[in-house]
mmCIF file of all heavy atoms, coordinates in Angstrom:
data_MODEL
# 
_entry.id   MODEL 
# 
loop_
_atom_site.group_PDB 
_atom_site.id 
_atom_site.type_symbol 
_atom_site.label_atom_id 
_atom_site.label_alt_id 
_atom_site.label_comp_id 
_atom_site.label_asym_id 
_atom_site.label_entity_id 
_atom_site.label_seq_id 
_atom_site.pdbx_PDB_ins_code 
_atom_site.Cartn_x 
_atom_site.Cartn_y 
_atom_site.Cartn_z 
_atom_site.occupancy 
_atom_site.B_iso_or_equiv 
_atom_site.pdbx_formal_charge 
_atom_site.auth_seq_id 
_atom_site.auth_comp_id 
_atom_site.auth_asym_id 
_atom_site.auth_atom_id 
_atom_site.pdbx_PDB_model_num 
ATOM 1   N N   . ALA A 1 1  ? 93.535  107.552 97.020 1.00 0.00 ? 1  ALA A N   1 
ATOM 2   C CA  . ALA A 1 1  ? 92.513  107.105 97.963 1.00 0.00 ? 1  ALA A CA  1 
ATOM 3   C C   . ALA A 1 1  ? 91.286  106.525 97.253 1.00 0.00 ? 1  ALA A C   1 
ATOM 4   O O   . ALA A 1 1  ? 90.656  105.599 97.753 1.00 0.00 ? 1  ALA A O   1 
ATOM 5   C CB  . ALA A 1 1  ? 92.105  108.257 98.879 1.00 0.00 ? 1  ALA A CB  1 
ATOM 6   N N   . ASN A 1 2  ? 90.962  107.039 96.065 1.00 0.00 ? 2  ASN A N   1 
ATOM 7   C CA  . ASN A 1 2  ? 89.786  106.557 95.331 1.00 0.00 ? 2  ASN A CA  1 
ATOM 8   C C   . ASN A 1 2  ? 90.096  105.352 94.435 1.00 0.00 ? 2  ASN A C   1 
ATOM 9   O O   . ASN A 1 2  ? 89.247  104.901 93.686 1.00 0.00 ? 2  ASN A O   1 
ATOM 10  C CB  . ASN A 1 2  ? 89.181  107.684 94.499 1.00 0.00 ? 2  ASN A CB  1 
ATOM 11  C CG  . ASN A 1 2  ? 90.091  108.150 93.379 1.00 0.00 ? 2  ASN A CG  1 
ATOM 12  O OD1 . ASN A 1 2  ? 91.225  107.682 93.243 1.00 0.00 ? 2  ASN A OD1 1 
ATOM 13  N ND2 . ASN A 1 2  ? 89.611  109.089 92.590 1.00 0.00 ? 2  ASN A ND2 1 
ATOM 14  N N   . GLY A 1 3  ? 91.326  104.850 94.489 1.00 0.00 ? 3  GLY A N   1 
ATOM 15  C CA  . GLY A 1 3  ? 91.692  103.674 93.694 1.00 0.00 ? 3  GLY A CA  1 
ATOM 16  C C   . GLY A 1 3  ? 92.365  103.989 92.372 1.00 0.00 ? 3  GLY A C   1 
ATOM 17  O O   . GLY A 1 3  ? 92.857  103.083 91.702 1.00 0.00 ? 3  GLY A O   1 
ATOM 18  N N   . ASP A 1 4  ? 92.390  105.261 91.962 1.00 0.00 ? 4  ASP A N   1 
ATOM 19  C CA  . ASP A 1 4  ? 93.103  105.639 90.736 1.00 0.00 ? 4  ASP A CA  1 
ATOM 20  C C   . ASP A 1 4  ? 94.589  105.327 90.920 1.00 0.00 ? 4  ASP A C   1 
ATOM 21  O O   . ASP A 1 4  ? 95.110  105.376 92.037 1.00 0.00 ? 4  ASP A O   1 
ATOM 22  C CB  . ASP A 1 4  ? 92.934  107.127 90.430 1.00 0.00 ? 4  ASP A CB  1 
ATOM 23  C CG  . ASP A 1 4  ? 91.522  107.486 90.000 1.00 0.00 ? 4  ASP A CG  1 
ATOM 24  O OD1 . ASP A 1 4  ? 90.724  106.577 89.703 1.00 0.00 ? 4  ASP A OD1 1 
ATOM 25  O OD2 . ASP A 1 4  ? 91.228  108.690 89.960 1.00 0.00 ? 4  ASP A OD2 1 
ATOM 26  N N   . ILE A 1 5  ? 95.268  105.037 89.811 1.00 0.00 ? 5  ILE A N   1 
ATOM 27  C CA  . ILE A 1 5  ? 96.676  104.649 89.869 1.00 0.00 ? 5  ILE A CA  1 
ATOM 28  C C   . ILE A 1 5  ? 97.495  105.481 88.892 1.00 0.00 ? 5  ILE A C   1 
ATOM 29  O O   . ILE A 1 5  ? 97.081  105.689 87.747 1.00 0.00 ? 5  ILE A O   1 
ATOM 30  C CB  . ILE A 1 5  ? 96.839  103.157 89.517 1.00 0.00 ? 5  ILE A CB  1 
ATOM 31  C CG1 . ILE A 1 5  ? 96.137  102.295 90.568 1.00 0.00 ? 5  ILE A CG1 1 
ATOM 32  C CG2 . ILE A 1 5  ? 98.312  102.773 89.406 1.00 0.00 ? 5  ILE A CG2 1 
ATOM 33  C CD1 . ILE A 1 5  ? 96.060  100.828 90.197 1.00 0.00 ? 5  ILE A CD1 1 
ATOM 34  N N   . VAL A 1 6  ? 98.659  105.929 89.342 1.00 0.00 ? 6  VAL A N   1 
ATOM 35  C CA  . VAL A 1 6  ? 99.672  106.514 88.470 1.00 0.00 ? 6  VAL A CA  1 
ATOM 36  C C   . VAL A 1 6  ? 100.865 105.556 88.536 1.00 0.00 ? 6  VAL A C   1 
ATOM 37  O O   . VAL A 1 6  ? 101.368 105.243 89.610 1.00 0.00 ? 6  VAL A O   1 
ATOM 38  C CB  . VAL A 1 6  ? 100.082 107.926 88.910 1.00 0.00 ? 6  VAL A CB  1 
ATOM 39  C CG1 . VAL A 1 6  ? 101.226 108.442 88.040 1.00 0.00 ? 6  VAL A CG1 1 
ATOM 40  C CG2 . VAL A 1 6  ? 98.888  108.875 88.834 1.00 0.00 ? 6  VAL A CG2 1 
ATOM 41  N N   . ASP A 1 7  ? 101.273 105.076 87.382 1.00 0.00 ? 7  ASP A N   1 
ATOM 42  C CA  . ASP A 1 7  ? 102.308 104.048 87.293 1.00 0.00 ? 7  ASP A CA  1 
ATOM 43  C C   . ASP A 1 7  ? 103.470 104.559 86.444 1.00 0.00 ? 7  ASP A C   1 
ATOM 44  O O   . ASP A 1 7  ? 103.257 105.139 85.381 1.00 0.00 ? 7  ASP A O   1 
ATOM 45  C CB  . ASP A 1 7  ? 101.714 102.793 86.658 1.00 0.00 ? 7  ASP A CB  1 
ATOM 46  C CG  . ASP A 1 7  ? 102.683 101.640 86.642 1.00 0.00 ? 7  ASP A CG  1 
ATOM 47  O OD1 . ASP A 1 7  ? 102.881 101.037 87.712 1.00 0.00 ? 7  ASP A OD1 1 
ATOM 48  O OD2 . ASP A 1 7  ? 103.236 101.335 85.567 1.00 0.00 ? 7  ASP A OD2 1 
ATOM 49  N N   . VAL A 1 8  ? 104.691 104.332 86.928 1.00 0.00 ? 8  VAL A N   1 
ATOM 50  C CA  . VAL A 1 8  ? 105.898 104.684 86.179 1.00 0.00 ? 8  VAL A CA  1 
ATOM 51  C C   . VAL A 1 8  ? 106.685 103.398 85.952 1.00 0.00 ? 8  VAL A C   1 
ATOM 52  O O   . VAL A 1 8  ? 106.955 102.656 86.897 1.00 0.00 ? 8  VAL A O   1 
ATOM 53  C CB  . VAL A 1 8  ? 106.779 105.696 86.942 1.00 0.00 ? 8  VAL A CB  1 
ATOM 54  C CG1 . VAL A 1 8  ? 108.036 106.017 86.143 1.00 0.00 ? 8  VAL A CG1 1 
ATOM 55  C CG2 . VAL A 1 8  ? 105.993 106.962 87.261 1.00 0.00 ? 8  VAL A CG2 1 
ATOM 56  N N   . GLY A 1 9  ? 107.018 103.153 84.699 1.00 0.00 ? 9  GLY A N   1 
ATOM 57  C CA  . GLY A 1 9  ? 107.789 101.961 84.374 1.00 0.00 ? 9  GLY A CA  1 
ATOM 58  C C   . GLY A 1 9  ? 108.795 102.230 83.280 1.00 0.00 ? 9  GLY A C   1 
ATOM 59  O O   . GLY A 1 9  ? 108.809 103.304 82.665 1.00 0.00 ? 9  GLY A O   1 
ATOM 60  N N   . TRP A 1 10 ? 109.639 101.261 83.047 1.00 0.00 ? 10 TRP A N   1 
ATOM 61  C CA  . TRP A 1 10 ? 110.673 101.325 82.014 1.00 0.00 ? 10 TRP A CA  1 
ATOM 62  C C   . TRP A 1 10 ? 110.359 100.253 80.989 1.00 0.00 ? 10 TRP A C   1 
ATOM 63  O O   . TRP A 1 10 ? 110.237 99.078  81.338 1.00 0.00 ? 10 TRP A O   1 
ATOM 64  C CB  . TRP A 1 10 ? 112.043 101.078 82.643 1.00 0.00 ? 10 TRP A CB  1 
ATOM 65  C CG  . TRP A 1 10 ? 113.180 101.269 81.711 1.00 0.00 ? 10 TRP A CG  1 
ATOM 66  C CD1 . TRP A 1 10 ? 113.805 100.304 80.978 1.00 0.00 ? 10 TRP A CD1 1 
ATOM 67  C CD2 . TRP A 1 10 ? 113.834 102.495 81.386 1.00 0.00 ? 10 TRP A CD2 1 
ATOM 68  N NE1 . TRP A 1 10 ? 114.811 100.848 80.231 1.00 0.00 ? 10 TRP A NE1 1 
ATOM 69  C CE2 . TRP A 1 10 ? 114.852 102.200 80.469 1.00 0.00 ? 10 TRP A CE2 1 
ATOM 70  C CE3 . TRP A 1 10 ? 113.651 103.814 81.784 1.00 0.00 ? 10 TRP A CE3 1 
ATOM 71  C CZ2 . TRP A 1 10 ? 115.687 103.185 79.943 1.00 0.00 ? 10 TRP A CZ2 1 
ATOM 72  C CZ3 . TRP A 1 10 ? 114.492 104.772 81.262 1.00 0.00 ? 10 TRP A CZ3 1 
ATOM 73  C CH2 . TRP A 1 10 ? 115.490 104.458 80.359 1.00 0.00 ? 10 TRP A CH2 1 
ATOM 74  N N   . TYR A 1 11 ? 110.187 100.649 79.730 1.00 0.00 ? 11 TYR A N   1 
ATOM 75  C CA  . TYR A 1 11 ? 109.778 99.707  78.673 1.00 0.00 ? 11 TYR A CA  1 
ATOM 76  C C   . TYR A 1 11 ? 110.689 99.832  77.465 1.00 0.00 ? 11 TYR A C   1 
ATOM 77  O O   . TYR A 1 11 ? 110.907 100.950 77.008 1.00 0.00 ? 11 TYR A O   1 
ATOM 78  C CB  . TYR A 1 11 ? 108.334 99.977  78.263 1.00 0.00 ? 11 TYR A CB  1 
ATOM 79  C CG  . TYR A 1 11 ? 107.370 99.745  79.397 1.00 0.00 ? 11 TYR A CG  1 
ATOM 80  C CD1 . TYR A 1 11 ? 107.047 100.765 80.284 1.00 0.00 ? 11 TYR A CD1 1 
ATOM 81  C CD2 . TYR A 1 11 ? 106.805 98.500  79.600 1.00 0.00 ? 11 TYR A CD2 1 
ATOM 82  C CE1 . TYR A 1 11 ? 106.180 100.550 81.338 1.00 0.00 ? 11 TYR A CE1 1 
ATOM 83  C CE2 . TYR A 1 11 ? 105.931 98.274  80.651 1.00 0.00 ? 11 TYR A CE2 1 
ATOM 84  C CZ  . TYR A 1 11 ? 105.617 99.308  81.512 1.00 0.00 ? 11 TYR A CZ  1 
ATOM 85  O OH  . TYR A 1 11 ? 104.765 99.088  82.561 1.00 0.00 ? 11 TYR A OH  1 
ATOM 86  N N   . PRO A 1 12 ? 111.178 98.758  76.901 1.00 0.00 ? 12 PRO A N   1 
ATOM 87  C CA  . PRO A 1 12 ? 111.097 97.416  77.458 1.00 0.00 ? 12 PRO A CA  1 
ATOM 88  C C   . PRO A 1 12 ? 112.008 97.291  78.675 1.00 0.00 ? 12 PRO A C   1 
ATOM 89  O O   . PRO A 1 12 ? 113.051 97.941  78.765 1.00 0.00 ? 12 PRO A O   1 
ATOM 90  C CB  . PRO A 1 12 ? 111.555 96.497  76.336 1.00 0.00 ? 12 PRO A CB  1 
ATOM 91  C CG  . PRO A 1 12 ? 112.374 97.351  75.431 1.00 0.00 ? 12 PRO A CG  1 
ATOM 92  C CD  . PRO A 1 12 ? 111.863 98.757  75.588 1.00 0.00 ? 12 PRO A CD  1 
ATOM 93  N N   . ALA A 1 13 ? 111.585 96.471  79.601 1.00 0.00 ? 13 ALA A N   1 
ATOM 94  C CA  . ALA A 1 13 ? 112.301 96.300  80.862 1.00 0.00 ? 13 ALA A CA  1 
ATOM 95  C C   . ALA A 1 13 ? 113.731 95.826  80.619 1.00 0.00 ? 13 ALA A C   1 
ATOM 96  O O   . ALA A 1 13 ? 114.003 95.056  79.699 1.00 0.00 ? 13 ALA A O   1 
ATOM 97  C CB  . ALA A 1 13 ? 111.566 95.297  81.742 1.00 0.00 ? 13 ALA A CB  1 
ATOM 98  N N   . TRP A 1 14 ? 114.628 96.331  81.458 1.00 0.00 ? 14 TRP A N   1 
ATOM 99  C CA  . TRP A 1 14 ? 116.038 95.934  81.484 1.00 0.00 ? 14 TRP A CA  1 
ATOM 100 C C   . TRP A 1 14 ? 116.748 96.125  80.152 1.00 0.00 ? 14 TRP A C   1 
ATOM 101 O O   . TRP A 1 14 ? 117.629 95.378  79.780 1.00 0.00 ? 14 TRP A O   1 
ATOM 102 C CB  . TRP A 1 14 ? 116.182 94.487  81.984 1.00 0.00 ? 14 TRP A CB  1 
ATOM 103 C CG  . TRP A 1 14 ? 115.520 94.346  83.307 1.00 0.00 ? 14 TRP A CG  1 
ATOM 104 C CD1 . TRP A 1 14 ? 115.959 94.876  84.496 1.00 0.00 ? 14 TRP A CD1 1 
ATOM 105 C CD2 . TRP A 1 14 ? 114.293 93.702  83.597 1.00 0.00 ? 14 TRP A CD2 1 
ATOM 106 N NE1 . TRP A 1 14 ? 115.066 94.591  85.498 1.00 0.00 ? 14 TRP A NE1 1 
ATOM 107 C CE2 . TRP A 1 14 ? 114.031 93.859  84.968 1.00 0.00 ? 14 TRP A CE2 1 
ATOM 108 C CE3 . TRP A 1 14 ? 113.371 92.997  82.825 1.00 0.00 ? 14 TRP A CE3 1 
ATOM 109 C CZ2 . TRP A 1 14 ? 112.911 93.347  85.581 1.00 0.00 ? 14 TRP A CZ2 1 
ATOM 110 C CZ3 . TRP A 1 14 ? 112.244 92.491  83.436 1.00 0.00 ? 14 TRP A CZ3 1 
ATOM 111 C CH2 . TRP A 1 14 ? 112.033 92.665  84.799 1.00 0.00 ? 14 TRP A CH2 1 
ATOM 112 N N   . ASN A 1 15 ? 116.354 97.160  79.420 1.00 0.00 ? 15 ASN A N   1 
ATOM 113 C CA  . ASN A 1 15 ? 116.952 97.454  78.126 1.00 0.00 ? 15 ASN A CA  1 
ATOM 114 C C   . ASN A 1 15 ? 117.477 98.891  78.155 1.00 0.00 ? 15 ASN A C   1 
ATOM 115 O O   . ASN A 1 15 ? 116.709 99.819  78.406 1.00 0.00 ? 15 ASN A O   1 
ATOM 116 C CB  . ASN A 1 15 ? 115.894 97.291  77.028 1.00 0.00 ? 15 ASN A CB  1 
ATOM 117 C CG  . ASN A 1 15 ? 116.433 97.494  75.644 1.00 0.00 ? 15 ASN A CG  1 
ATOM 118 O OD1 . ASN A 1 15 ? 117.298 98.323  75.414 1.00 0.00 ? 15 ASN A OD1 1 
ATOM 119 N ND2 . ASN A 1 15 ? 115.898 96.745  74.702 1.00 0.00 ? 15 ASN A ND2 1 
ATOM 120 N N   . GLU A 1 16 ? 118.756 99.079  77.866 1.00 0.00 ? 16 GLU A N   1 
ATOM 121 C CA  . GLU A 1 16 ? 119.349 100.425 77.877 1.00 0.00 ? 16 GLU A CA  1 
ATOM 122 C C   . GLU A 1 16 ? 118.643 101.375 76.918 1.00 0.00 ? 16 GLU A C   1 
ATOM 123 O O   . GLU A 1 16 ? 118.627 102.581 77.131 1.00 0.00 ? 16 GLU A O   1 
ATOM 124 C CB  . GLU A 1 16 ? 120.827 100.360 77.502 1.00 0.00 ? 16 GLU A CB  1 
ATOM 125 C CG  . GLU A 1 16 ? 121.702 99.833  78.593 1.00 0.00 ? 16 GLU A CG  1 
ATOM 126 C CD  . GLU A 1 16 ? 123.177 99.918  78.226 1.00 0.00 ? 16 GLU A CD  1 
ATOM 127 O OE1 . GLU A 1 16 ? 123.621 100.991 77.787 1.00 0.00 ? 16 GLU A OE1 1 
ATOM 128 O OE2 . GLU A 1 16 ? 123.866 98.894  78.386 1.00 0.00 ? 16 GLU A OE2 1 
ATOM 129 N N   . GLN A 1 17 ? 118.075 100.846 75.859 1.00 0.00 ? 17 GLN A N   1 
ATOM 130 C CA  . GLN A 1 17 ? 117.401 101.675 74.860 1.00 0.00 ? 17 GLN A CA  1 
ATOM 131 C C   . GLN A 1 17 ? 115.942 101.958 75.215 1.00 0.00 ? 17 GLN A C   1 
ATOM 132 O O   . GLN A 1 17 ? 115.232 102.604 74.460 1.00 0.00 ? 17 GLN A O   1 
ATOM 133 C CB  . GLN A 1 17 ? 117.471 101.005 73.481 1.00 0.00 ? 17 GLN A CB  1 
ATOM 134 C CG  . GLN A 1 17 ? 118.879 100.666 73.029 1.00 0.00 ? 17 GLN A CG  1 
ATOM 135 C CD  . GLN A 1 17 ? 119.818 101.850 73.085 1.00 0.00 ? 17 GLN A CD  1 
ATOM 136 O OE1 . GLN A 1 17 ? 119.477 102.939 72.639 1.00 0.00 ? 17 GLN A OE1 1 
ATOM 137 N NE2 . GLN A 1 17 ? 121.008 101.658 73.635 1.00 0.00 ? 17 GLN A NE2 1 
ATOM 138 N N   . GLY A 1 18 ? 115.502 101.456 76.372 1.00 0.00 ? 18 GLY A N   1 
ATOM 139 C CA  . GLY A 1 18 ? 114.112 101.641 76.779 1.00 0.00 ? 18 GLY A CA  1 
ATOM 140 C C   . GLY A 1 18 ? 113.775 103.089 77.102 1.00 0.00 ? 18 GLY A C   1 
ATOM 141 O O   . GLY A 1 18 ? 114.628 103.982 77.042 1.00 0.00 ? 18 GLY A O   1 
ATOM 142 N N   . ARG A 1 19 ? 112.510 103.286 77.441 1.00 0.00 ? 19 ARG A N   1 
ATOM 143 C CA  . ARG A 1 19 ? 112.002 104.626 77.776 1.00 0.00 ? 19 ARG A CA  1 
ATOM 144 C C   . ARG A 1 19 ? 111.142 104.546 79.022 1.00 0.00 ? 19 ARG A C   1 
ATOM 145 O O   . ARG A 1 19 ? 110.508 103.531 79.283 1.00 0.00 ? 19 ARG A O   1 
ATOM 146 C CB  . ARG A 1 19 ? 111.111 105.169 76.643 1.00 0.00 ? 19 ARG A CB  1 
ATOM 147 C CG  . ARG A 1 19 ? 111.738 105.325 75.294 1.00 0.00 ? 19 ARG A CG  1 
ATOM 148 C CD  . ARG A 1 19 ? 112.347 106.669 75.028 1.00 0.00 ? 19 ARG A CD  1 
ATOM 149 N NE  . ARG A 1 19 ? 111.629 107.807 75.568 1.00 0.00 ? 19 ARG A NE  1 
ATOM 150 C CZ  . ARG A 1 19 ? 111.169 108.805 74.855 1.00 0.00 ? 19 ARG A CZ  1 
ATOM 151 N NH1 . ARG A 1 19 ? 111.305 108.799 73.545 1.00 0.00 ? 19 ARG A NH1 1 
ATOM 152 N NH2 . ARG A 1 19 ? 110.575 109.829 75.428 1.00 0.00 ? 19 ARG A NH2 1 
ATOM 153 N N   . LEU A 1 20 ? 111.099 105.643 79.745 1.00 0.00 ? 20 LEU A N   1 
ATOM 154 C CA  . LEU A 1 20 ? 110.155 105.762 80.846 1.00 0.00 ? 20 LEU A CA  1 
ATOM 155 C C   . LEU A 1 20 ? 108.748 105.846 80.272 1.00 0.00 ? 20 LEU A C   1 
ATOM 156 O O   . LEU A 1 20 ? 108.543 106.395 79.179 1.00 0.00 ? 20 LEU A O   1 
ATOM 157 C CB  . LEU A 1 20 ? 110.425 107.033 81.657 1.00 0.00 ? 20 LEU A CB  1 
ATOM 158 C CG  . LEU A 1 20 ? 111.625 107.029 82.578 1.00 0.00 ? 20 LEU A CG  1 
ATOM 159 C CD1 . LEU A 1 20 ? 111.881 108.435 83.093 1.00 0.00 ? 20 LEU A CD1 1 
ATOM 160 C CD2 . LEU A 1 20 ? 111.417 106.064 83.731 1.00 0.00 ? 20 LEU A CD2 1 
ATOM 161 N N   . ARG A 1 21 ? 107.798 105.327 81.010 1.00 0.00 ? 21 ARG A N   1 
ATOM 162 C CA  . ARG A 1 21 ? 106.400 105.486 80.621 1.00 0.00 ? 21 ARG A CA  1 
ATOM 163 C C   . ARG A 1 21 ? 105.605 105.801 81.881 1.00 0.00 ? 21 ARG A C   1 
ATOM 164 O O   . ARG A 1 21 ? 105.739 105.114 82.900 1.00 0.00 ? 21 ARG A O   1 
ATOM 165 C CB  . ARG A 1 21 ? 105.855 104.233 79.952 1.00 0.00 ? 21 ARG A CB  1 
ATOM 166 C CG  . ARG A 1 21 ? 104.422 104.427 79.470 1.00 0.00 ? 21 ARG A CG  1 
ATOM 167 C CD  . ARG A 1 21 ? 103.961 103.334 78.553 1.00 0.00 ? 21 ARG A CD  1 
ATOM 168 N NE  . ARG A 1 21 ? 103.869 102.083 79.299 1.00 0.00 ? 21 ARG A NE  1 
ATOM 169 C CZ  . ARG A 1 21 ? 103.425 100.957 78.768 1.00 0.00 ? 21 ARG A CZ  1 
ATOM 170 N NH1 . ARG A 1 21 ? 103.089 100.904 77.506 1.00 0.00 ? 21 ARG A NH1 1 
ATOM 171 N NH2 . ARG A 1 21 ? 103.350 99.878  79.510 1.00 0.00 ? 21 ARG A NH2 1 
ATOM 172 N N   . VAL A 1 22 ? 104.795 106.848 81.801 1.00 0.00 ? 22 VAL A N   1 
ATOM 173 C CA  . VAL A 1 22 ? 103.925 107.256 82.892 1.00 0.00 ? 22 VAL A CA  1 
ATOM 174 C C   . VAL A 1 22 ? 102.491 107.056 82.426 1.00 0.00 ? 22 VAL A C   1 
ATOM 175 O O   . VAL A 1 22 ? 102.100 107.548 81.365 1.00 0.00 ? 22 VAL A O   1 
ATOM 176 C CB  . VAL A 1 22 ? 104.159 108.740 83.279 1.00 0.00 ? 22 VAL A CB  1 
ATOM 177 C CG1 . VAL A 1 22 ? 103.191 109.165 84.371 1.00 0.00 ? 22 VAL A CG1 1 
ATOM 178 C CG2 . VAL A 1 22 ? 105.603 108.948 83.720 1.00 0.00 ? 22 VAL A CG2 1 
ATOM 179 N N   . VAL A 1 23 ? 101.721 106.310 83.225 1.00 0.00 ? 23 VAL A N   1 
ATOM 180 C CA  . VAL A 1 23 ? 100.345 105.975 82.864 1.00 0.00 ? 23 VAL A CA  1 
ATOM 181 C C   . VAL A 1 23 ? 99.434  106.279 84.049 1.00 0.00 ? 23 VAL A C   1 
ATOM 182 O O   . VAL A 1 23 ? 99.791  105.994 85.199 1.00 0.00 ? 23 VAL A O   1 
ATOM 183 C CB  . VAL A 1 23 ? 100.233 104.469 82.504 1.00 0.00 ? 23 VAL A CB  1 
ATOM 184 C CG1 . VAL A 1 23 ? 98.807  104.092 82.153 1.00 0.00 ? 23 VAL A CG1 1 
ATOM 185 C CG2 . VAL A 1 23 ? 101.153 104.126 81.356 1.00 0.00 ? 23 VAL A CG2 1 
ATOM 186 N N   . ALA A 1 24 ? 98.263  106.847 83.768 1.00 0.00 ? 24 ALA A N   1 
ATOM 187 C CA  . ALA A 1 24 ? 97.233  107.066 84.785 1.00 0.00 ? 24 ALA A CA  1 
ATOM 188 C C   . ALA A 1 24 ? 96.047  106.166 84.449 1.00 0.00 ? 24 ALA A C   1 
ATOM 189 O O   . ALA A 1 24 ? 95.559  106.168 83.319 1.00 0.00 ? 24 ALA A O   1 
ATOM 190 C CB  . ALA A 1 24 ? 96.802  108.530 84.814 1.00 0.00 ? 24 ALA A CB  1 
ATOM 191 N N   . VAL A 1 25 ? 95.602  105.393 85.454 1.00 0.00 ? 25 VAL A N   1 
ATOM 192 C CA  . VAL A 1 25 ? 94.553  104.389 85.240 1.00 0.00 ? 25 VAL A CA  1 
ATOM 193 C C   . VAL A 1 25 ? 93.415  104.621 86.224 1.00 0.00 ? 25 VAL A C   1 
ATOM 194 O O   . VAL A 1 25 ? 93.642  104.853 87.409 1.00 0.00 ? 25 VAL A O   1 
ATOM 195 C CB  . VAL A 1 25 ? 95.138  102.967 85.450 1.00 0.00 ? 25 VAL A CB  1 
ATOM 196 C CG1 . VAL A 1 25 ? 94.065  101.922 85.333 1.00 0.00 ? 25 VAL A CG1 1 
ATOM 197 C CG2 . VAL A 1 25 ? 96.259  102.712 84.464 1.00 0.00 ? 25 VAL A CG2 1 
ATOM 198 N N   . ARG A 1 26 ? 92.215  104.529 85.723 1.00 0.00 ? 26 ARG A N   1 
ATOM 199 C CA  . ARG A 1 26 ? 91.020  104.635 86.571 1.00 0.00 ? 26 ARG A CA  1 
ATOM 200 C C   . ARG A 1 26 ? 90.293  103.302 86.535 1.00 0.00 ? 26 ARG A C   1 
ATOM 201 O O   . ARG A 1 26 ? 90.158  102.681 85.482 1.00 0.00 ? 26 ARG A O   1 
ATOM 202 C CB  . ARG A 1 26 ? 90.114  105.745 86.041 1.00 0.00 ? 26 ARG A CB  1 
ATOM 203 C CG  . ARG A 1 26 ? 88.746  105.690 86.688 1.00 0.00 ? 26 ARG A CG  1 
ATOM 204 C CD  . ARG A 1 26 ? 88.069  107.000 86.756 1.00 0.00 ? 26 ARG A CD  1 
ATOM 205 N NE  . ARG A 1 26 ? 88.741  107.783 87.798 1.00 0.00 ? 26 ARG A NE  1 
ATOM 206 C CZ  . ARG A 1 26 ? 88.702  109.094 87.855 1.00 0.00 ? 26 ARG A CZ  1 
ATOM 207 N NH1 . ARG A 1 26 ? 88.075  109.770 86.955 1.00 0.00 ? 26 ARG A NH1 1 
ATOM 208 N NH2 . ARG A 1 26 ? 89.314  109.733 88.820 1.00 0.00 ? 26 ARG A NH2 1 
# 
């Protein structure tokens, strides 16, 4: 509600050897 963001992505994208990444941004 305050605009903070929690983002989950896969890096590098579309790569079997990639990893999940969880980031919190203010």
